Amino acid sequence: MSFSKDADRRRIETFKLDGDLRDVYVELLSAQCAVERLRLRYLAEEVAAHGSSFMVARSISAAQAICEFFSSIHKSLPTQAGVPPAKNGGPGQEKGL
């Protein structure tokens, strides 16, 4: 395969990756809004005490998986201005969750 075809293939894959990242970003914003609505309606203690233990556990598991994946990406990023530093702590450490 020629250099030009390899470069074209990489460029196409980069466009696909960027599109997938945009889709994920929109879905994460939606999830963030849903969490904020929950946080504004209930205290963390109320969710823990009265929420379905199955749904609480599944939600925590999903949040941890997302956090771990993006943390691994963050660690691999070249140092750049404009990339916010990683926060200490995991999901639920902010705003009383």
PDB file of N, CA and C in Angstrom:
ATOM      1  N   MET A   1       0.854  -1.179   0.000  1.00  0.00           N
ATOM      2  CA  MET A   1       0.000   0.000   0.000  1.00  0.00           C
ATOM      3  C   MET A   1       0.894   1.235   0.000  1.00  0.00           C
ATOM      4  N   SER A   2       0.520   2.234  -0.730  1.00  0.00           N
ATOM      5  CA  SER A   2       1.342   3.426  -0.849  1.00  0.00           C
ATOM      6  C   SER A   2       1.173   4.329   0.367  1.00  0.00           C
ATOM      7  N   PHE A   3       2.130   5.230   0.515  1.00  0.00           N
ATOM      8  CA  PHE A   3       2.092   6.180   1.625  1.00  0.00           C
ATOM      9  C   PHE A   3       0.827   7.017   1.581  1.00  0.00           C
ATOM     10  N   SER A   4       0.418   7.437   0.402  1.00  0.00           N
ATOM     11  CA  SER A   4      -0.765   8.279   0.240  1.00  0.00           C
ATOM     12  C   SER A   4      -2.022   7.562   0.725  1.00  0.00           C
ATOM     13  N   LYS A   5      -2.162   6.289   0.405  1.00  0.00           N
ATOM     14  CA  LYS A   5      -3.335   5.533   0.850  1.00  0.00           C
ATOM     15  C   LYS A   5      -3.325   5.352   2.360  1.00  0.00           C
ATOM     16  N   ASP A   6      -2.142   5.122   2.949  1.00  0.00           N
ATOM     17  CA  ASP A   6      -2.039   5.013   4.406  1.00  0.00           C
ATOM     18  C   ASP A   6      -2.436   6.323   5.076  1.00  0.00           C
ATOM     19  N   ALA A   7      -1.957   7.422   4.518  1.00  0.00           N
ATOM     20  CA  ALA A   7      -2.280   8.741   5.078  1.00  0.00           C
ATOM     21  C   ALA A   7      -3.779   9.020   4.946  1.00  0.00           C
ATOM     22  N   ASP A   8      -4.345   8.671   3.801  1.00  0.00           N
ATOM     23  CA  ASP A   8      -5.782   8.865   3.600  1.00  0.00           C
ATOM     24  C   ASP A   8      -6.588   8.028   4.603  1.00  0.00           C
ATOM     25  N   ARG A   9      -6.180   6.790   4.803  1.00  0.00           N
ATOM     26  CA  ARG A   9      -6.880   5.903   5.737  1.00  0.00           C
ATOM     27  C   ARG A   9      -6.797   6.461   7.170  1.00  0.00           C
ATOM     28  N   ARG A  10      -5.613   6.948   7.561  1.00  0.00           N
ATOM     29  CA  ARG A  10      -5.465   7.528   8.907  1.00  0.00           C
ATOM     30  C   ARG A  10      -6.341   8.766   9.058  1.00  0.00           C
ATOM     31  N   ARG A  11      -6.412   9.585   8.015  1.00  0.00           N
ATOM     32  CA  ARG A  11      -7.231  10.797   8.063  1.00  0.00           C
ATOM     33  C   ARG A  11      -8.709  10.432   8.214  1.00  0.00           C
ATOM     34  N   ILE A  12      -9.163   9.429   7.488  1.00  0.00           N
ATOM     35  CA  ILE A  12     -10.561   8.971   7.581  1.00  0.00           C
ATOM     36  C   ILE A  12     -10.845   8.434   8.981  1.00  0.00           C
ATOM     37  N   GLU A  13      -9.937   7.632   9.510  1.00  0.00           N
ATOM     38  CA  GLU A  13     -10.109   7.083  10.852  1.00  0.00           C
ATOM     39  C   GLU A  13     -10.134   8.193  11.905  1.00  0.00           C
ATOM     40  N   THR A  14      -9.319   9.222  11.704  1.00  0.00           N
ATOM     41  CA  THR A  14      -9.314  10.363  12.630  1.00  0.00           C
ATOM     42  C   THR A  14     -10.655  11.083  12.598  1.00  0.00           C
ATOM     43  N   PHE A  15     -11.219  11.274  11.418  1.00  0.00           N
ATOM     44  CA  PHE A  15     -12.536  11.911  11.309  1.00  0.00           C
ATOM     45  C   PHE A  15     -13.600  11.069  12.009  1.00  0.00           C
ATOM     46  N   LYS A  16     -13.536   9.751  11.819  1.00  0.00           N
ATOM     47  CA  LYS A  16     -14.494   8.861  12.474  1.00  0.00           C
ATOM     48  C   LYS A  16     -14.352   8.938  13.990  1.00  0.00           C
ATOM     49  N   LEU A  17     -13.113   8.922  14.466  1.00  0.00           N
ATOM     50  CA  LEU A  17     -12.869   9.015  15.909  1.00  0.00           C
ATOM     51  C   LEU A  17     -13.398  10.322  16.469  1.00  0.00           C
ATOM     52  N   ASP A  18     -13.132  11.426  15.772  1.00  0.00           N
ATOM     53  CA  ASP A  18     -13.631  12.722  16.232  1.00  0.00           C
ATOM     54  C   ASP A  18     -15.156  12.751  16.275  1.00  0.00           C
ATOM     55  N   GLY A  19     -15.801  12.147  15.294  1.00  0.00           N
ATOM     56  CA  GLY A  19     -17.262  12.074  15.295  1.00  0.00           C
ATOM     57  C   GLY A  19     -17.778  11.254  16.467  1.00  0.00           C
ATOM     58  N   ASP A  20     -17.118  10.126  16.732  1.00  0.00           N
ATOM     59  CA  ASP A  20     -17.506   9.303  17.884  1.00  0.00           C
ATOM     60  C   ASP A  20     -17.313  10.065  19.190  1.00  0.00           C
ATOM     61  N   LEU A  21     -16.218  10.822  19.291  1.00  0.00           N
ATOM     62  CA  LEU A  21     -15.983  11.618  20.503  1.00  0.00           C
ATOM     63  C   LEU A  21     -17.053  12.694  20.682  1.00  0.00           C
ATOM     64  N   ARG A  22     -17.461  13.317  19.586  1.00  0.00           N
ATOM     65  CA  ARG A  22     -18.539  14.316  19.679  1.00  0.00           C
ATOM     66  C   ARG A  22     -19.828  13.672  20.161  1.00  0.00           C
ATOM     67  N   ASP A  23     -20.149  12.488  19.638  1.00  0.00           N
ATOM     68  CA  ASP A  23     -21.353  11.773  20.071  1.00  0.00           C
ATOM     69  C   ASP A  23     -21.289  11.448  21.557  1.00  0.00           C
ATOM     70  N   VAL A  24     -20.139  10.962  22.007  1.00  0.00           N
ATOM     71  CA  VAL A  24     -19.962  10.617  23.425  1.00  0.00           C
ATOM     72  C   VAL A  24     -20.100  11.869  24.286  1.00  0.00           C
ATOM     73  N   TYR A  25     -19.511  12.967  23.839  1.00  0.00           N
ATOM     74  CA  TYR A  25     -19.585  14.214  24.598  1.00  0.00           C
ATOM     75  C   TYR A  25     -21.035  14.652  24.804  1.00  0.00           C
ATOM     76  N   VAL A  26     -21.837  14.596  23.752  1.00  0.00           N
ATOM     77  CA  VAL A  26     -23.248  14.984  23.852  1.00  0.00           C
ATOM     78  C   VAL A  26     -23.982  14.062  24.835  1.00  0.00           C
ATOM     79  N   GLU A  27     -23.718  12.765  24.751  1.00  0.00           N
ATOM     80  CA  GLU A  27     -24.368  11.823  25.660  1.00  0.00           C
ATOM     81  C   GLU A  27     -23.912  12.031  27.093  1.00  0.00           C
ATOM     82  N   LEU A  28     -22.630  12.350  27.281  1.00  0.00           N
ATOM     83  CA  LEU A  28     -22.140  12.620  28.639  1.00  0.00           C
ATOM     84  C   LEU A  28     -22.749  13.895  29.205  1.00  0.00           C
ATOM     85  N   LEU A  29     -22.942  14.914  28.368  1.00  0.00           N
ATOM     86  CA  LEU A  29     -23.617  16.129  28.836  1.00  0.00           C
ATOM     87  C   LEU A  29     -25.042  15.813  29.282  1.00  0.00           C
ATOM     88  N   SER A  30     -25.714  14.968  28.536  1.00  0.00           N
ATOM     89  CA  SER A  30     -27.070  14.559  28.910  1.00  0.00           C
ATOM     90  C   SER A  30     -27.053  13.827  30.248  1.00  0.00           C
ATOM     91  N   ALA A  31     -26.099  12.919  30.416  1.00  0.00           N
ATOM     92  CA  ALA A  31     -25.988  12.185  31.687  1.00  0.00           C
ATOM     93  C   ALA A  31     -25.653  13.137  32.829  1.00  0.00           C
ATOM     94  N   GLN A  32     -24.793  14.104  32.565  1.00  0.00           N
ATOM     95  CA  GLN A  32     -24.438  15.072  33.592  1.00  0.00           C
ATOM     96  C   GLN A  32     -25.664  15.878  34.022  1.00  0.00           C
ATOM     97  N   CYS A  33     -26.504  16.264  33.075  1.00  0.00           N
ATOM     98  CA  CYS A  33     -27.744  16.991  33.399  1.00  0.00           C
ATOM     99  C   CYS A  33     -28.673  16.124  34.245  1.00  0.00           C
ATOM    100  N   ALA A  34     -28.783  14.845  33.889  1.00  0.00           N
ATOM    101  CA  ALA A  34     -29.636  13.931  34.660  1.00  0.00           C
ATOM    102  C   ALA A  34     -29.129  13.792  36.088  1.00  0.00           C
ATOM    103  N   VAL A  35     -27.814  13.699  36.252  1.00  0.00           N
ATOM    104  CA  VAL A  35     -27.234  13.592  37.595  1.00  0.00           C
ATOM    105  C   VAL A  35     -27.483  14.877  38.379  1.00  0.00           C
ATOM    106  N   GLU A  36     -27.339  16.015  37.721  1.00  0.00           N
ATOM    107  CA  GLU A  36     -27.597  17.289  38.402  1.00  0.00           C
ATOM    108  C   GLU A  36     -29.045  17.393  38.863  1.00  0.00           C
ATOM    109  N   ARG A  37     -29.992  16.948  38.036  1.00  0.00           N
ATOM    110  CA  ARG A  37     -31.402  16.956  38.455  1.00  0.00           C
ATOM    111  C   ARG A  37     -31.592  16.082  39.689  1.00  0.00           C
ATOM    112  N   LEU A  38     -30.986  14.909  39.685  1.00  0.00           N
ATOM    113  CA  LEU A  38     -31.080  14.005  40.835  1.00  0.00           C
ATOM    114  C   LEU A  38     -30.449  14.651  42.065  1.00  0.00           C
ATOM    115  N   ARG A  39     -29.281  15.239  41.882  1.00  0.00           N
ATOM    116  CA  ARG A  39     -28.561  15.875  42.986  1.00  0.00           C
ATOM    117  C   ARG A  39     -29.347  17.035  43.583  1.00  0.00           C
ATOM    118  N   LEU A  40     -30.049  17.784  42.738  1.00  0.00           N
ATOM    119  CA  LEU A  40     -30.821  18.916  43.231  1.00  0.00           C
ATOM    120  C   LEU A  40     -32.089  18.476  43.974  1.00  0.00           C
ATOM    121  N   ARG A  41     -32.601  17.317  43.637  1.00  0.00           N
ATOM    122  CA  ARG A  41     -33.837  16.826  44.269  1.00  0.00           C
ATOM    123  C   ARG A  41     -33.588  16.041  45.555  1.00  0.00           C
ATOM    124  N   TYR A  42     -32.459  15.346  45.629  1.00  0.00           N
ATOM    125  CA  TYR A  42     -32.219  14.418  46.739  1.00  0.00           C
ATOM    126  C   TYR A  42     -30.816  14.578  47.300  1.00  0.00           C
ATOM    127  N   LEU A  43     -30.684  14.357  48.581  1.00  0.00           N
ATOM    128  CA  LEU A  43     -29.370  14.263  49.199  1.00  0.00           C
ATOM    129  C   LEU A  43     -28.772  12.895  48.869  1.00  0.00           C
ATOM    130  N   ALA A  44     -27.463  12.824  48.865  1.00  0.00           N
ATOM    131  CA  ALA A  44     -26.791  11.547  48.596  1.00  0.00           C
ATOM    132  C   ALA A  44     -27.255  10.480  49.582  1.00  0.00           C
ATOM    133  N   GLU A  45     -27.451  10.878  50.821  1.00  0.00           N
ATOM    134  CA  GLU A  45     -27.894   9.932  51.847  1.00  0.00           C
ATOM    135  C   GLU A  45     -29.277   9.366  51.536  1.00  0.00           C
ATOM    136  N   GLU A  46     -30.153  10.214  50.957  1.00  0.00           N
ATOM    137  CA  GLU A  46     -31.495   9.747  50.580  1.00  0.00           C
ATOM    138  C   GLU A  46     -31.423   8.733  49.446  1.00  0.00           C
ATOM    139  N   VAL A  47     -30.583   9.004  48.476  1.00  0.00           N
ATOM    140  CA  VAL A  47     -30.430   8.074  47.354  1.00  0.00           C
ATOM    141  C   VAL A  47     -29.892   6.743  47.869  1.00  0.00           C
ATOM    142  N   ALA A  48     -28.890   6.802  48.740  1.00  0.00           N
ATOM    143  CA  ALA A  48     -28.290   5.581  49.281  1.00  0.00           C
ATOM    144  C   ALA A  48     -29.282   4.793  50.122  1.00  0.00           C
ATOM    145  N   ALA A  49     -30.088   5.484  50.916  1.00  0.00           N
ATOM    146  CA  ALA A  49     -31.002   4.804  51.843  1.00  0.00           C
ATOM    147  C   ALA A  49     -32.279   4.319  51.174  1.00  0.00           C
ATOM    148  N   HIS A  50     -32.788   5.068  50.203  1.00  0.00           N
ATOM    149  CA  HIS A  50     -34.112   4.763  49.672  1.00  0.00           C
ATOM    150  C   HIS A  50     -34.147   4.398  48.188  1.00  0.00           C
ATOM    151  N   GLY A  51     -33.051   4.623  47.475  1.00  0.00           N
ATOM    152  CA  GLY A  51     -33.019   4.276  46.060  1.00  0.00           C
ATOM    153  C   GLY A  51     -32.895   2.771  45.890  1.00  0.00           C
ATOM    154  N   SER A  52     -33.323   2.288  44.748  1.00  0.00           N
ATOM    155  CA  SER A  52     -33.174   0.874  44.424  1.00  0.00           C
ATOM    156  C   SER A  52     -31.689   0.523  44.489  1.00  0.00           C
ATOM    157  N   SER A  53     -31.342  -0.422  45.354  1.00  0.00           N
ATOM    158  CA  SER A  53     -29.921  -0.771  45.502  1.00  0.00           C
ATOM    159  C   SER A  53     -29.341  -1.266  44.173  1.00  0.00           C
ATOM    160  N   PHE A  54     -30.161  -1.948  43.387  1.00  0.00           N
ATOM    161  CA  PHE A  54     -29.703  -2.418  42.078  1.00  0.00           C
ATOM    162  C   PHE A  54     -29.350  -1.235  41.179  1.00  0.00           C
ATOM    163  N   MET A  55     -30.251  -0.245  41.094  1.00  0.00           N
ATOM    164  CA  MET A  55     -30.015   0.892  40.204  1.00  0.00           C
ATOM    165  C   MET A  55     -28.889   1.782  40.716  1.00  0.00           C
ATOM    166  N   VAL A  56     -28.784   1.939  42.024  1.00  0.00           N
ATOM    167  CA  VAL A  56     -27.680   2.722  42.581  1.00  0.00           C
ATOM    168  C   VAL A  56     -26.359   2.049  42.239  1.00  0.00           C
ATOM    169  N   ALA A  57     -26.283   0.742  42.451  1.00  0.00           N
ATOM    170  CA  ALA A  57     -25.042   0.007  42.164  1.00  0.00           C
ATOM    171  C   ALA A  57     -24.702   0.069  40.674  1.00  0.00           C
ATOM    172  N   ARG A  58     -25.693  -0.088  39.811  1.00  0.00           N
ATOM    173  CA  ARG A  58     -25.443  -0.032  38.363  1.00  0.00           C
ATOM    174  C   ARG A  58     -24.990   1.365  37.934  1.00  0.00           C
ATOM    175  N   SER A  59     -25.599   2.388  38.514  1.00  0.00           N
ATOM    176  CA  SER A  59     -25.217   3.760  38.179  1.00  0.00           C
ATOM    177  C   SER A  59     -23.789   4.055  38.626  1.00  0.00           C
ATOM    178  N   ILE A  60     -23.445   3.616  39.827  1.00  0.00           N
ATOM    179  CA  ILE A  60     -22.085   3.813  40.334  1.00  0.00           C
ATOM    180  C   ILE A  60     -21.088   3.073  39.450  1.00  0.00           C
ATOM    181  N   SER A  61     -21.416   1.841  39.073  1.00  0.00           N
ATOM    182  CA  SER A  61     -20.532   1.050  38.222  1.00  0.00           C
ATOM    183  C   SER A  61     -20.307   1.734  36.874  1.00  0.00           C
ATOM    184  N   ALA A  62     -21.369   2.256  36.284  1.00  0.00           N
ATOM    185  CA  ALA A  62     -21.244   2.945  34.994  1.00  0.00           C
ATOM    186  C   ALA A  62     -20.386   4.202  35.135  1.00  0.00           C
ATOM    187  N   ALA A  63     -20.615   4.968  36.191  1.00  0.00           N
ATOM    188  CA  ALA A  63     -19.839   6.194  36.410  1.00  0.00           C
ATOM    189  C   ALA A  63     -18.360   5.868  36.629  1.00  0.00           C
ATOM    190  N   GLN A  64     -18.082   4.824  37.383  1.00  0.00           N
ATOM    191  CA  GLN A  64     -16.688   4.437  37.619  1.00  0.00           C
ATOM    192  C   GLN A  64     -16.013   3.987  36.328  1.00  0.00           C
ATOM    193  N   ALA A  65     -16.717   3.229  35.503  1.00  0.00           N
ATOM    194  CA  ALA A  65     -16.144   2.763  34.236  1.00  0.00           C
ATOM    195  C   ALA A  65     -15.811   3.954  33.327  1.00  0.00           C
ATOM    196  N   ILE A  66     -16.705   4.922  33.265  1.00  0.00           N
ATOM    197  CA  ILE A  66     -16.467   6.122  32.460  1.00  0.00           C
ATOM    198  C   ILE A  66     -15.266   6.884  33.001  1.00  0.00           C
ATOM    199  N   CYS A  67     -15.246   7.062  34.309  1.00  0.00           N
ATOM    200  CA  CYS A  67     -14.144   7.791  34.940  1.00  0.00           C
ATOM    201  C   CYS A  67     -12.807   7.101  34.683  1.00  0.00           C
ATOM    202  N   GLU A  68     -12.751   5.794  34.830  1.00  0.00           N
ATOM    203  CA  GLU A  68     -11.509   5.052  34.611  1.00  0.00           C
ATOM    204  C   GLU A  68     -11.038   5.172  33.161  1.00  0.00           C
ATOM    205  N   PHE A  69     -11.964   5.052  32.211  1.00  0.00           N
ATOM    206  CA  PHE A  69     -11.601   5.140  30.804  1.00  0.00           C
ATOM    207  C   PHE A  69     -11.033   6.514  30.466  1.00  0.00           C
ATOM    208  N   PHE A  70     -11.736   7.579  30.858  1.00  0.00           N
ATOM    209  CA  PHE A  70     -11.272   8.909  30.526  1.00  0.00           C
ATOM    210  C   PHE A  70     -10.045   9.312  31.343  1.00  0.00           C
ATOM    211  N   SER A  71      -9.885   8.775  32.536  1.00  0.00           N
ATOM    212  CA  SER A  71      -8.661   9.020  33.304  1.00  0.00           C
ATOM    213  C   SER A  71      -7.456   8.413  32.600  1.00  0.00           C
ATOM    214  N   SER A  72      -7.629   7.223  32.032  1.00  0.00           N
ATOM    215  CA  SER A  72      -6.521   6.593  31.304  1.00  0.00           C
ATOM    216  C   SER A  72      -6.168   7.402  30.062  1.00  0.00           C
ATOM    217  N   ILE A  73      -7.162   7.967  29.402  1.00  0.00           N
ATOM    218  CA  ILE A  73      -6.899   8.826  28.246  1.00  0.00           C
ATOM    219  C   ILE A  73      -6.170  10.084  28.705  1.00  0.00           C
ATOM    220  N   HIS A  74      -6.650  10.674  29.805  1.00  0.00           N
ATOM    221  CA  HIS A  74      -6.057  11.905  30.323  1.00  0.00           C
ATOM    222  C   HIS A  74      -4.584  11.713  30.648  1.00  0.00           C
ATOM    223  N   LYS A  75      -4.240  10.568  31.214  1.00  0.00           N
ATOM    224  CA  LYS A  75      -2.843  10.282  31.552  1.00  0.00           C
ATOM    225  C   LYS A  75      -1.975  10.154  30.306  1.00  0.00           C
ATOM    226  N   SER A  76      -2.577   9.800  29.176  1.00  0.00           N
ATOM    227  CA  SER A  76      -1.835   9.613  27.931  1.00  0.00           C
ATOM    228  C   SER A  76      -1.716  10.887  27.100  1.00  0.00           C
ATOM    229  N   LEU A  77      -2.443  11.933  27.479  1.00  0.00           N
ATOM    230  CA  LEU A  77      -2.402  13.171  26.704  1.00  0.00           C
ATOM    231  C   LEU A  77      -1.047  13.854  26.842  1.00  0.00           C
ATOM    232  N   PRO A  78      -0.560  14.426  25.761  1.00  0.00           N
ATOM    233  CA  PRO A  78       0.635  15.258  25.897  1.00  0.00           C
ATOM    234  C   PRO A  78       0.269  16.484  26.728  1.00  0.00           C
ATOM    235  N   THR A  79       1.218  17.019  27.431  1.00  0.00           N
ATOM    236  CA  THR A  79       0.960  18.198  28.261  1.00  0.00           C
ATOM    237  C   THR A  79       0.539  19.337  27.346  1.00  0.00           C
ATOM    238  N   GLN A  80      -0.644  19.880  27.650  1.00  0.00           N
ATOM    239  CA  GLN A  80      -1.185  20.969  26.834  1.00  0.00           C
ATOM    240  C   GLN A  80      -1.823  21.996  27.746  1.00  0.00           C
ATOM    241  N   ALA A  81      -1.692  23.237  27.388  1.00  0.00           N
ATOM    242  CA  ALA A  81      -2.487  24.263  28.047  1.00  0.00           C
ATOM    243  C   ALA A  81      -3.909  24.050  27.570  1.00  0.00           C
ATOM    244  N   GLY A  82      -4.865  24.248  28.405  1.00  0.00           N
ATOM    245  CA  GLY A  82      -6.255  24.076  28.003  1.00  0.00           C
ATOM    246  C   GLY A  82      -6.813  22.714  28.356  1.00  0.00           C
ATOM    247  N   VAL A  83      -5.964  21.770  28.776  1.00  0.00           N
ATOM    248  CA  VAL A  83      -6.457  20.480  29.238  1.00  0.00           C
ATOM    249  C   VAL A  83      -6.543  20.575  30.754  1.00  0.00           C
ATOM    250  N   PRO A  84      -7.754  20.521  31.306  1.00  0.00           N
ATOM    251  CA  PRO A  84      -7.875  20.688  32.753  1.00  0.00           C
ATOM    252  C   PRO A  84      -7.173  19.552  33.486  1.00  0.00           C
ATOM    253  N   PRO A  85      -6.591  19.854  34.651  1.00  0.00           N
ATOM    254  CA  PRO A  85      -5.925  18.790  35.414  1.00  0.00           C
ATOM    255  C   PRO A  85      -6.940  17.778  35.911  1.00  0.00           C
ATOM    256  N   ALA A  86      -6.492  16.533  36.076  1.00  0.00           N
ATOM    257  CA  ALA A  86      -7.361  15.483  36.606  1.00  0.00           C
ATOM    258  C   ALA A  86      -7.721  15.834  38.035  1.00  0.00           C
ATOM    259  N   LYS A  87      -8.963  15.553  38.411  1.00  0.00           N
ATOM    260  CA  LYS A  87      -9.409  15.802  39.774  1.00  0.00           C
ATOM    261  C   LYS A  87      -9.096  14.595  40.625  1.00  0.00           C
ATOM    262  N   ASN A  88      -8.708  14.850  41.857  1.00  0.00           N
ATOM    263  CA  ASN A  88      -8.507  13.747  42.794  1.00  0.00           C
ATOM    264  C   ASN A  88      -9.860  13.233  43.221  1.00  0.00           C
ATOM    265  N   GLY A  89      -9.972  11.957  43.442  1.00  0.00           N
ATOM    266  CA  GLY A  89     -11.253  11.378  43.833  1.00  0.00           C
ATOM    267  C   GLY A  89     -12.001  10.904  42.607  1.00  0.00           C
ATOM    268  N   GLY A  90     -13.010  10.117  42.828  1.00  0.00           N
ATOM    269  CA  GLY A  90     -13.760   9.554  41.725  1.00  0.00           C
ATOM    270  C   GLY A  90     -15.132  10.150  41.634  1.00  0.00           C
ATOM    271  N   PRO A  91     -16.011   9.461  40.923  1.00  0.00           N
ATOM    272  CA  PRO A  91     -17.369   9.947  40.777  1.00  0.00           C
ATOM    273  C   PRO A  91     -18.024  10.092  42.133  1.00  0.00           C
ATOM    274  N   GLY A  92     -18.832  11.114  42.281  1.00  0.00           N
ATOM    275  CA  GLY A  92     -19.556  11.291  43.527  1.00  0.00           C
ATOM    276  C   GLY A  92     -18.779  12.050  44.579  1.00  0.00           C
ATOM    277  N   GLN A  93     -17.574  12.482  44.273  1.00  0.00           N
ATOM    278  CA  GLN A  93     -16.771  13.193  45.251  1.00  0.00           C
ATOM    279  C   GLN A  93     -17.094  14.682  45.263  1.00  0.00           C
ATOM    280  N   GLU A  94     -17.775  15.157  44.247  1.00  0.00           N
ATOM    281  CA  GLU A  94     -18.093  16.567  44.158  1.00  0.00           C
ATOM    282  C   GLU A  94     -19.528  16.820  44.612  1.00  0.00           C
ATOM    283  N   LYS A  95     -19.728  17.963  45.191  1.00  0.00           N
ATOM    284  CA  LYS A  95     -21.078  18.442  45.540  1.00  0.00           C
ATOM    285  C   LYS A  95     -21.884  17.444  46.348  1.00  0.00           C
ATOM    286  N   GLY A  96     -21.240  16.699  47.200  1.00  0.00           N
ATOM    287  CA  GLY A  96     -21.965  15.846  48.141  1.00  0.00           C
ATOM    288  C   GLY A  96     -22.494  14.545  47.583  1.00  0.00           C
ATOM    289  N   LEU A  97     -22.126  14.177  46.360  1.00  0.00           N
ATOM    290  CA  LEU A  97     -22.618  12.892  45.827  1.00  0.00           C
ATOM    291  C   LEU A  97     -21.759  11.771  46.301  1.00  0.00           C
TER     292      LEU A  97
END
